[in-house]
C-alpha atoms as a PDB file:
ATOM      1  CA  MET A   1    -232.448-120.268  35.134  1.00  0.00           C
ATOM      2  CA  HIS A   2    -232.034-120.617  39.468  1.00  0.00           C
ATOM      3  CA  TYR A   3    -228.275-120.609  38.519  1.00  0.00           C
ATOM      4  CA  LEU A   4    -227.779-118.025  35.996  1.00  0.00           C
ATOM      5  CA  PHE A   5    -226.194-115.498  38.514  1.00  0.00           C
ATOM      6  CA  LEU A   6    -223.237-118.147  38.309  1.00  0.00           C
ATOM      7  CA  ILE A   7    -222.054-117.120  35.030  1.00  0.00           C
ATOM      8  CA  PRO A   8    -221.078-113.649  35.395  1.00  0.00           C
ATOM      9  CA  LEU A   9    -219.639-114.569  38.977  1.00  0.00           C
ATOM     10  CA  ILE A  10    -217.973-117.532  37.415  1.00  0.00           C
ATOM     11  CA  GLY A  11    -216.097-115.448  34.833  1.00  0.00           C
ATOM     12  CA  GLY A  12    -215.661-112.446  36.643  1.00  0.00           C
ATOM     13  CA  ALA A  13    -213.626-114.707  38.940  1.00  0.00           C
ATOM     14  CA  LEU A  14    -211.702-115.898  36.080  1.00  0.00           C
ATOM     15  CA  LEU A  15    -211.535-112.801  34.990  1.00  0.00           C
ATOM     16  CA  VAL A  16    -209.638-111.886  38.244  1.00  0.00           C
ATOM     17  CA  LEU A  17    -207.108-114.595  38.321  1.00  0.00           C
ATOM     18  CA  LEU A  18    -206.518-113.669  34.699  1.00  0.00           C
ATOM     19  CA  GLN A  19    -205.490-110.372  35.944  1.00  0.00           C
ATOM     20  CA  LEU A  20    -203.216-111.355  38.839  1.00  0.00           C
ATOM     21  CA  MET A  21    -201.086-114.168  36.419  1.00  0.00           C
ATOM     22  CA  VAL A  22    -200.766-111.436  33.498  1.00  0.00           C
ATOM     23  CA  LYS A  23    -199.730-108.070  34.373  1.00  0.00           C
ATOM     24  CA  GLY A  24    -201.570-105.526  31.745  1.00  0.00           C
ATOM     25  CA  LEU A  25    -204.499-107.027  29.994  1.00  0.00           C
ATOM     26  CA  SER A  26    -205.097-105.045  26.718  1.00  0.00           C
ATOM     27  CA  ARG A  27    -208.771-103.642  26.230  1.00  0.00           C
ATOM     28  CA  LEU A  28    -209.379-105.853  23.485  1.00  0.00           C
ATOM     29  CA  SER A  29    -208.666-108.901  25.548  1.00  0.00           C
ATOM     30  CA  LEU A  30    -211.126-107.308  28.659  1.00  0.00           C
ATOM     31  CA  ASN A  31    -213.881-106.091  25.910  1.00  0.00           C
ATOM     32  CA  LEU A  32    -213.482-110.232  24.144  1.00  0.00           C
ATOM     33  CA  TRP A  33    -213.598-111.321  27.862  1.00  0.00           C
ATOM     34  CA  ASN A  34    -217.126-109.174  29.125  1.00  0.00           C
ATOM     35  CA  SER A  35    -218.921-109.866  25.644  1.00  0.00           C
ATOM     36  CA  GLY A  36    -218.278-113.560  25.921  1.00  0.00           C
ATOM     37  CA  VAL A  37    -219.434-113.523  29.478  1.00  0.00           C
ATOM     38  CA  ALA A  38    -222.468-111.680  28.549  1.00  0.00           C
ATOM     39  CA  THR A  39    -223.194-113.544  25.739  1.00  0.00           C
ATOM     40  CA  LEU A  40    -223.270-116.845  27.800  1.00  0.00           C
ATOM     41  CA  THR A  41    -225.480-115.208  30.310  1.00  0.00           C
ATOM     42  CA  ALA A  42    -228.394-114.019  27.677  1.00  0.00           C
ATOM     43  CA  GLY A  43    -228.068-117.596  26.522  1.00  0.00           C
ATOM     44  CA  ALA A  44    -228.857-118.787  29.491  1.00  0.00           C
ATOM     45  CA  LEU A  45    -231.717-116.541  30.524  1.00  0.00           C
ATOM     46  CA  TYR A  46    -233.244-117.250  26.565  1.00  0.00           C
ATOM     47  CA  ARG A  47    -233.022-121.168  27.339  1.00  0.00           C
ATOM     48  CA  GLY A  48    -234.839-120.146  30.748  1.00  0.00           C
ATOM     49  CA  ILE A  49    -237.474-118.148  29.622  1.00  0.00           C
ATOM     50  CA  VAL A  50    -237.796-120.967  26.469  1.00  0.00           C
ATOM     51  CA  ASN A  51    -238.361-123.590  29.235  1.00  0.00           C
ATOM     52  CA  LEU A  52    -240.452-121.408  31.727  1.00  0.00           C
ATOM     53  CA  SER A  53    -243.228-121.169  28.619  1.00  0.00           C
ATOM     54  CA  GLY A  54    -243.429-125.200  28.251  1.00  0.00           C
ATOM     55  CA  ARG A  55    -241.672-125.057  25.051  1.00  0.00           C
ATOM     56  CA  SER A  56    -238.149-126.365  23.856  1.00  0.00           C
ATOM     57  CA  THR A  57    -235.919-125.397  21.505  1.00  0.00           C
ATOM     58  CA  THR A  58    -232.319-124.969  19.982  1.00  0.00           C
ATOM     59  CA  MET A  59    -232.078-121.607  19.139  1.00  0.00           C
ATOM     60  CA  ASP A  60    -229.955-120.807  22.243  1.00  0.00           C
ATOM     61  CA  GLN A  61    -227.268-122.851  20.803  1.00  0.00           C
ATOM     62  CA  PRO A  62    -225.564-119.791  18.861  1.00  0.00           C
ATOM     63  CA  TYR A  63    -225.392-118.062  22.366  1.00  0.00           C
ATOM     64  CA  TYR A  64    -223.209-120.396  23.335  1.00  0.00           C
ATOM     65  CA  TYR A  65    -221.222-120.821  20.480  1.00  0.00           C
ATOM     66  CA  LEU A  66    -220.317-117.354  20.258  1.00  0.00           C
ATOM     67  CA  GLY A  67    -219.624-117.242  24.053  1.00  0.00           C
ATOM     68  CA  VAL A  68    -217.340-119.983  24.181  1.00  0.00           C
ATOM     69  CA  ALA A  69    -215.993-118.346  20.588  1.00  0.00           C
ATOM     70  CA  PHE A  70    -215.391-114.345  22.593  1.00  0.00           C
ATOM     71  CA  LEU A  71    -213.892-116.105  25.321  1.00  0.00           C
ATOM     72  CA  ALA A  72    -211.259-118.527  23.397  1.00  0.00           C
ATOM     73  CA  LEU A  73    -210.496-114.910  21.312  1.00  0.00           C
ATOM     74  CA  ALA A  74    -209.484-113.009  24.619  1.00  0.00           C
ATOM     75  CA  LEU A  75    -207.302-115.887  25.904  1.00  0.00           C
ATOM     76  CA  ILE A  76    -205.928-116.067  22.575  1.00  0.00           C
ATOM     77  CA  SER A  77    -205.110-111.961  22.297  1.00  0.00           C
ATOM     78  CA  LEU A  78    -203.674-112.505  25.633  1.00  0.00           C
ATOM     79  CA  PHE A  79    -200.481-113.744  23.717  1.00  0.00           C
ATOM     80  CA  PHE A  80    -200.773-111.273  20.896  1.00  0.00           C
ATOM     81  CA  VAL A  81    -201.742-108.021  22.446  1.00  0.00           C
ATOM     82  CA  ARG A  82    -200.506-106.172  25.242  1.00  0.00           C
ATOM     83  CA  SER A  83    -201.580-102.859  27.131  1.00  0.00           C
ATOM     84  CA  VAL A  84    -199.668 -99.956  26.555  1.00  0.00           C
ATOM     85  CA  TRP A  85    -200.302 -98.462  29.871  1.00  0.00           C
ATOM     86  CA  VAL A  86    -198.159-100.955  31.651  1.00  0.00           C
ATOM     87  CA  GLU A  87    -194.537 -99.860  32.454  1.00  0.00           C
ATOM     88  CA  LYS A  88    -191.890-101.976  30.611  1.00  0.00           C
ATOM     89  CA  THR A  89    -189.160-103.235  32.824  1.00  0.00           C
ATOM     90  CA  ALA A  90    -185.508-103.749  31.738  1.00  0.00           C
END
């Protein structure tokens, strides 16, 4: 829980690197990426709260699985969906 800020920080840094490499990310890709980072952050926060209360649970695992699935879908959508706002160069 001490390093909870690192998940959005690393997720945002990776998104900036993706935007530098791939011009014209689609809205779908951005939404999936942001949802994945937010889900991973919420899962880490939930785990921190549960650990702080002195208990242990496995109820935080779906957060991690769903967050990784969102990030994977965002990476897959890079190859299939392009933004309509990018100018095409011939």
